């Protein structure tokens, strides 16, 4: 049973003056510039990464 659901993630915060671990999470999600939107599979790993940086990203409908 494949999970074909995806979520759109938008970077809304700057990684400047943020810990290195938070910057690496952004890069891991494929985000590198402000207001960039990426579409990722809706997996627990992606949800966990988003949960660690809710002040830097937003989930779009």
PDB file of N, CA and C in Angstrom:
ATOM      1  N   UNK A   1       0.847  -1.173   0.000  1.00  0.00           N
ATOM      2  CA  UNK A   1       0.000   0.000   0.000  1.00  0.00           C
ATOM      3  C   UNK A   1       0.890   1.233   0.000  1.00  0.00           C
ATOM      4  N   UNK A   2       1.011   1.861  -1.148  1.00  0.00           N
ATOM      5  CA  UNK A   2       1.895   3.018  -1.293  1.00  0.00           C
ATOM      6  C   UNK A   2       1.199   4.295  -0.837  1.00  0.00           C
ATOM      7  N   UNK A   3       1.987   5.157  -0.217  1.00  0.00           N
ATOM      8  CA  UNK A   3       1.462   6.449   0.223  1.00  0.00           C
ATOM      9  C   UNK A   3       1.783   7.476  -0.854  1.00  0.00           C
ATOM     10  N   UNK A   4       0.775   7.861  -1.643  1.00  0.00           N
ATOM     11  CA  UNK A   4       0.978   8.796  -2.746  1.00  0.00           C
ATOM     12  C   UNK A   4       0.669  10.226  -2.360  1.00  0.00           C
ATOM     13  N   UNK A   5       0.363  10.458  -1.082  1.00  0.00           N
ATOM     14  CA  UNK A   5       0.034  11.808  -0.655  1.00  0.00           C
ATOM     15  C   UNK A   5       1.293  12.658  -0.607  1.00  0.00           C
ATOM     16  N   UNK A   6       1.150  13.904  -0.997  1.00  0.00           N
ATOM     17  CA  UNK A   6       2.272  14.828  -0.931  1.00  0.00           C
ATOM     18  C   UNK A   6       1.837  16.071  -0.161  1.00  0.00           C
ATOM     19  N   UNK A   7       2.819  16.801   0.331  1.00  0.00           N
ATOM     20  CA  UNK A   7       2.552  18.073   0.996  1.00  0.00           C
ATOM     21  C   UNK A   7       3.460  19.122   0.382  1.00  0.00           C
ATOM     22  N   UNK A   8       2.973  20.343   0.341  1.00  0.00           N
ATOM     23  CA  UNK A   8       3.774  21.460  -0.148  1.00  0.00           C
ATOM     24  C   UNK A   8       4.312  22.221   1.056  1.00  0.00           C
ATOM     25  N   UNK A   9       5.612  22.463   1.035  1.00  0.00           N
ATOM     26  CA  UNK A   9       6.285  23.132   2.141  1.00  0.00           C
ATOM     27  C   UNK A   9       6.900  24.416   1.612  1.00  0.00           C
ATOM     28  N   UNK A  10       6.658  25.518   2.311  1.00  0.00           N
ATOM     29  CA  UNK A  10       7.183  26.819   1.902  1.00  0.00           C
ATOM     30  C   UNK A  10       8.104  27.354   2.988  1.00  0.00           C
ATOM     31  N   UNK A  11       9.273  27.845   2.577  1.00  0.00           N
ATOM     32  CA  UNK A  11      10.200  28.442   3.540  1.00  0.00           C
ATOM     33  C   UNK A  11       9.757  29.875   3.819  1.00  0.00           C
ATOM     34  N   UNK A  12       9.474  30.162   5.087  1.00  0.00           N
ATOM     35  CA  UNK A  12       9.002  31.496   5.458  1.00  0.00           C
ATOM     36  C   UNK A  12       9.971  32.223   6.375  1.00  0.00           C
ATOM     37  N   UNK A  13      11.030  31.528   6.818  1.00  0.00           N
ATOM     38  CA  UNK A  13      11.991  32.143   7.723  1.00  0.00           C
ATOM     39  C   UNK A  13      13.402  31.994   7.190  1.00  0.00           C
ATOM     40  N   UNK A  14      14.264  32.905   7.589  1.00  0.00           N
ATOM     41  CA  UNK A  14      15.653  32.891   7.150  1.00  0.00           C
ATOM     42  C   UNK A  14      16.499  32.015   8.073  1.00  0.00           C
ATOM     43  N   UNK A  15      17.445  31.260   7.503  1.00  0.00           N
ATOM     44  CA  UNK A  15      18.336  30.442   8.331  1.00  0.00           C
ATOM     45  C   UNK A  15      19.474  31.245   8.958  1.00  0.00           C
ATOM     46  N   UNK A  16      19.532  32.519   8.669  1.00  0.00           N
ATOM     47  CA  UNK A  16      20.580  33.359   9.257  1.00  0.00           C
ATOM     48  C   UNK A  16      20.399  33.406  10.768  1.00  0.00           C
ATOM     49  N   UNK A  17      21.473  33.250  11.504  1.00  0.00           N
ATOM     50  CA  UNK A  17      21.496  33.240  12.974  1.00  0.00           C
ATOM     51  C   UNK A  17      20.671  32.099  13.558  1.00  0.00           C
ATOM     52  N   UNK A  18      20.601  30.997  12.842  1.00  0.00           N
ATOM     53  CA  UNK A  18      19.943  29.784  13.336  1.00  0.00           C
ATOM     54  C   UNK A  18      21.001  28.715  13.551  1.00  0.00           C
ATOM     55  N   UNK A  19      20.759  27.765  14.438  1.00  0.00           N
ATOM     56  CA  UNK A  19      21.730  26.685  14.646  1.00  0.00           C
ATOM     57  C   UNK A  19      21.979  25.893  13.358  1.00  0.00           C
ATOM     58  N   UNK A  20      23.163  25.334  13.253  1.00  0.00           N
ATOM     59  CA  UNK A  20      23.546  24.559  12.076  1.00  0.00           C
ATOM     60  C   UNK A  20      22.589  23.393  11.827  1.00  0.00           C
ATOM     61  N   UNK A  21      22.086  22.781  12.889  1.00  0.00           N
ATOM     62  CA  UNK A  21      21.173  21.650  12.717  1.00  0.00           C
ATOM     63  C   UNK A  21      19.885  22.070  12.004  1.00  0.00           C
ATOM     64  N   UNK A  22      19.389  23.272  12.313  1.00  0.00           N
ATOM     65  CA  UNK A  22      18.181  23.756  11.645  1.00  0.00           C
ATOM     66  C   UNK A  22      18.454  24.070  10.184  1.00  0.00           C
ATOM     67  N   UNK A  23      19.632  24.577   9.876  1.00  0.00           N
ATOM     68  CA  UNK A  23      19.999  24.845   8.481  1.00  0.00           C
ATOM     69  C   UNK A  23      20.064  23.546   7.690  1.00  0.00           C
ATOM     70  N   UNK A  24      20.609  22.506   8.317  1.00  0.00           N
ATOM     71  CA  UNK A  24      20.720  21.217   7.638  1.00  0.00           C
ATOM     72  C   UNK A  24      19.351  20.606   7.375  1.00  0.00           C
ATOM     73  N   UNK A  25      18.409  20.826   8.270  1.00  0.00           N
ATOM     74  CA  UNK A  25      17.051  20.324   8.058  1.00  0.00           C
ATOM     75  C   UNK A  25      16.427  21.019   6.851  1.00  0.00           C
ATOM     76  N   UNK A  26      16.619  22.322   6.726  1.00  0.00           N
ATOM     77  CA  UNK A  26      16.098  23.049   5.565  1.00  0.00           C
ATOM     78  C   UNK A  26      16.685  22.495   4.270  1.00  0.00           C
ATOM     79  N   UNK A  27      17.989  22.294   4.246  1.00  0.00           N
ATOM     80  CA  UNK A  27      18.646  21.759   3.052  1.00  0.00           C
ATOM     81  C   UNK A  27      18.133  20.352   2.754  1.00  0.00           C
ATOM     82  N   UNK A  28      17.940  19.558   3.787  1.00  0.00           N
ATOM     83  CA  UNK A  28      17.418  18.209   3.612  1.00  0.00           C
ATOM     84  C   UNK A  28      16.024  18.180   3.015  1.00  0.00           C
ATOM     85  N   UNK A  29      15.244  19.200   3.314  1.00  0.00           N
ATOM     86  CA  UNK A  29      13.902  19.308   2.732  1.00  0.00           C
ATOM     87  C   UNK A  29      13.938  19.892   1.324  1.00  0.00           C
ATOM     88  N   UNK A  30      15.096  20.396   0.914  1.00  0.00           N
ATOM     89  CA  UNK A  30      15.220  20.985  -0.419  1.00  0.00           C
ATOM     90  C   UNK A  30      14.949  22.471  -0.453  1.00  0.00           C
ATOM     91  N   UNK A  31      14.980  23.107   0.709  1.00  0.00           N
ATOM     92  CA  UNK A  31      14.713  24.541   0.781  1.00  0.00           C
ATOM     93  C   UNK A  31      16.034  25.289   0.953  1.00  0.00           C
ATOM     94  N   UNK A  32      16.218  26.340   0.143  1.00  0.00           N
ATOM     95  CA  UNK A  32      17.451  27.100   0.242  1.00  0.00           C
ATOM     96  C   UNK A  32      17.242  28.605   0.088  1.00  0.00           C
ATOM     97  N   UNK A  33      16.061  29.019  -0.313  1.00  0.00           N
ATOM     98  CA  UNK A  33      15.783  30.445  -0.488  1.00  0.00           C
ATOM     99  C   UNK A  33      14.422  30.782   0.109  1.00  0.00           C
ATOM    100  N   UNK A  34      14.299  32.007   0.542  1.00  0.00           N
ATOM    101  CA  UNK A  34      13.041  32.466   1.122  1.00  0.00           C
ATOM    102  C   UNK A  34      11.905  32.322   0.100  1.00  0.00           C
ATOM    103  N   UNK A  35      10.750  31.907   0.569  1.00  0.00           N
ATOM    104  CA  UNK A  35       9.508  31.785  -0.198  1.00  0.00           C
ATOM    105  C   UNK A  35       9.550  30.695  -1.253  1.00  0.00           C
ATOM    106  N   UNK A  36      10.552  29.831  -1.201  1.00  0.00           N
ATOM    107  CA  UNK A  36      10.606  28.702  -2.125  1.00  0.00           C
ATOM    108  C   UNK A  36       9.615  27.648  -1.648  1.00  0.00           C
ATOM    109  N   UNK A  37       8.948  26.999  -2.597  1.00  0.00           N
ATOM    110  CA  UNK A  37       7.963  25.967  -2.287  1.00  0.00           C
ATOM    111  C   UNK A  37       8.441  24.653  -2.904  1.00  0.00           C
ATOM    112  N   UNK A  38       8.431  23.592  -2.108  1.00  0.00           N
ATOM    113  CA  UNK A  38       8.776  22.255  -2.593  1.00  0.00           C
ATOM    114  C   UNK A  38       7.638  21.301  -2.253  1.00  0.00           C
ATOM    115  N   UNK A  39       7.529  20.242  -3.033  1.00  0.00           N
ATOM    116  CA  UNK A  39       6.511  19.229  -2.788  1.00  0.00           C
ATOM    117  C   UNK A  39       7.228  17.940  -2.397  1.00  0.00           C
ATOM    118  N   UNK A  40       6.857  17.390  -1.253  1.00  0.00           N
ATOM    119  CA  UNK A  40       7.499  16.189  -0.723  1.00  0.00           C
ATOM    120  C   UNK A  40       6.433  15.151  -0.380  1.00  0.00           C
ATOM    121  N   UNK A  41       6.854  13.878  -0.344  1.00  0.00           N
ATOM    122  CA  UNK A  41       5.967  12.813   0.092  1.00  0.00           C
ATOM    123  C   UNK A  41       5.596  13.052   1.553  1.00  0.00           C
ATOM    124  N   UNK A  42       4.362  12.772   1.892  1.00  0.00           N
ATOM    125  CA  UNK A  42       3.886  12.958   3.260  1.00  0.00           C
ATOM    126  C   UNK A  42       4.259  11.728   4.084  1.00  0.00           C
ATOM    127  N   UNK A  43       5.483  11.735   4.620  1.00  0.00           N
ATOM    128  CA  UNK A  43       5.976  10.612   5.419  1.00  0.00           C
ATOM    129  C   UNK A  43       6.239  11.089   6.845  1.00  0.00           C
ATOM    130  N   UNK A  44       6.343  10.161   7.776  1.00  0.00           N
ATOM    131  CA  UNK A  44       6.661  10.552   9.152  1.00  0.00           C
ATOM    132  C   UNK A  44       8.010  11.264   9.263  1.00  0.00           C
ATOM    133  N   UNK A  45       8.971  10.903   8.405  1.00  0.00           N
ATOM    134  CA  UNK A  45      10.284  11.547   8.441  1.00  0.00           C
ATOM    135  C   UNK A  45      10.190  13.023   8.054  1.00  0.00           C
ATOM    136  N   UNK A  46       9.425  13.303   7.013  1.00  0.00           N
ATOM    137  CA  UNK A  46       9.252  14.687   6.568  1.00  0.00           C
ATOM    138  C   UNK A  46       8.465  15.477   7.611  1.00  0.00           C
ATOM    139  N   UNK A  47       7.427  14.868   8.168  1.00  0.00           N
ATOM    140  CA  UNK A  47       6.639  15.544   9.207  1.00  0.00           C
ATOM    141  C   UNK A  47       7.497  15.843  10.433  1.00  0.00           C
ATOM    142  N   UNK A  48       8.401  14.932  10.782  1.00  0.00           N
ATOM    143  CA  UNK A  48       9.285  15.146  11.919  1.00  0.00           C
ATOM    144  C   UNK A  48      10.254  16.291  11.671  1.00  0.00           C
ATOM    145  N   UNK A  49      10.769  16.383  10.437  1.00  0.00           N
ATOM    146  CA  UNK A  49      11.675  17.479  10.093  1.00  0.00           C
ATOM    147  C   UNK A  49      10.950  18.815  10.180  1.00  0.00           C
ATOM    148  N   UNK A  50       9.715  18.839   9.695  1.00  0.00           N
ATOM    149  CA  UNK A  50       8.912  20.069   9.755  1.00  0.00           C
ATOM    150  C   UNK A  50       8.633  20.446  11.205  1.00  0.00           C
ATOM    151  N   UNK A  51       8.396  19.461  12.049  1.00  0.00           N
ATOM    152  CA  UNK A  51       8.090  19.722  13.462  1.00  0.00           C
ATOM    153  C   UNK A  51       9.279  20.342  14.186  1.00  0.00           C
ATOM    154  N   UNK A  52      10.496  20.107  13.695  1.00  0.00           N
ATOM    155  CA  UNK A  52      11.677  20.666  14.337  1.00  0.00           C
ATOM    156  C   UNK A  52      11.924  22.119  13.957  1.00  0.00           C
ATOM    157  N   UNK A  53      11.339  22.577  12.840  1.00  0.00           N
ATOM    158  CA  UNK A  53      11.562  23.959  12.395  1.00  0.00           C
ATOM    159  C   UNK A  53      10.245  24.640  11.993  1.00  0.00           C
ATOM    160  N   UNK A  54       9.225  24.613  12.865  1.00  0.00           N
ATOM    161  CA  UNK A  54       7.937  25.207  12.461  1.00  0.00           C
ATOM    162  C   UNK A  54       8.013  26.719  12.281  1.00  0.00           C
ATOM    163  N   UNK A  55       9.022  27.356  12.869  1.00  0.00           N
ATOM    164  CA  UNK A  55       9.184  28.803  12.750  1.00  0.00           C
ATOM    165  C   UNK A  55       9.834  29.202  11.421  1.00  0.00           C
ATOM    166  N   UNK A  56      10.320  28.229  10.657  1.00  0.00           N
ATOM    167  CA  UNK A  56      10.987  28.518   9.395  1.00  0.00           C
ATOM    168  C   UNK A  56      10.190  28.060   8.170  1.00  0.00           C
ATOM    169  N   UNK A  57       9.187  27.197   8.366  1.00  0.00           N
ATOM    170  CA  UNK A  57       8.451  26.664   7.235  1.00  0.00           C
ATOM    171  C   UNK A  57       6.941  26.727   7.487  1.00  0.00           C
ATOM    172  N   UNK A  58       6.199  26.648   6.390  1.00  0.00           N
ATOM    173  CA  UNK A  58       4.742  26.588   6.466  1.00  0.00           C
ATOM    174  C   UNK A  58       4.269  25.487   5.528  1.00  0.00           C
ATOM    175  N   UNK A  59       3.206  24.810   5.912  1.00  0.00           N
ATOM    176  CA  UNK A  59       2.612  23.783   5.067  1.00  0.00           C
ATOM    177  C   UNK A  59       1.450  24.428   4.310  1.00  0.00           C
ATOM    178  N   UNK A  60       1.494  24.317   2.989  1.00  0.00           N
ATOM    179  CA  UNK A  60       0.455  24.905   2.150  1.00  0.00           C
ATOM    180  C   UNK A  60      -0.597  23.864   1.832  1.00  0.00           C
ATOM    181  N   UNK A  61      -1.807  24.311   1.580  1.00  0.00           N
ATOM    182  CA  UNK A  61      -2.898  23.399   1.219  1.00  0.00           C
ATOM    183  C   UNK A  61      -2.866  23.063  -0.255  1.00  0.00           C
TER     184      UNK A  61
END
